[in-house]
Amino acid sequence: MIKSALKFAWFCGVFLAAVFQVSIWMDGNPITDFRHFLVNLVIFGVFIFAAIKNQKDTNGSVLHFWQGMTVGFWVYTVGTALFLVYVLIYFSAEPSAISAYQDSAKALLEKGKDVYIQKIGEEGYQSQLQQIAQTTKWDLIWRSAMQKILTGFFVTPVISIILRKQPNS
């Protein structure tokens, strides 16, 4: 079960890293861009579905919910770990990426300045600007990890429920 999940996890991690890099080459910011989150959702959905479907097919078309959850866990955890290795290498090799993120995040915050000030007040807005200025590569790596893990955490049960099939008693 785990061996086949790891195969799909490896491909998932490679695809996540590739999408991250392509987004950067296209002058996007994969950390602040919501579209990148949606692409990650699709990538996780495809690879978790494929891994769980593979498990079901190799198990005589029987899949218990817990099996789907286990396979999905391995796919999104290992896929995220591989992606994080890539991101760590990227941020270490490209120190200007941190300032590019900070500029992008500040621009995004300033774009909706009036709305933010109305919701969180001037002090909260200034606090957000200060937090952006103090962002480190470890903050960005942590944020990316949590986004990926949470995405996998929510996608896996849905796919496990859809694909589960109990043996006929």
Foldseek 3Di string as FASTA:
>chain_A
DLVLLVVLLVVLLVVLLVVCVVCVVVVHHLLPDVVNLVVLLVSLLVSLLVSQVVVCVVVVNAADLVNLLVSLLSNLVSSLVSNLVSLVVVCVVCVCSLVVQLVVVVVVCVVCVVVCCVVPNPVVSVVVNVVSVVDDSVNSSVSSSVSSNVSSVVSRSVSSVVRHDHDDD
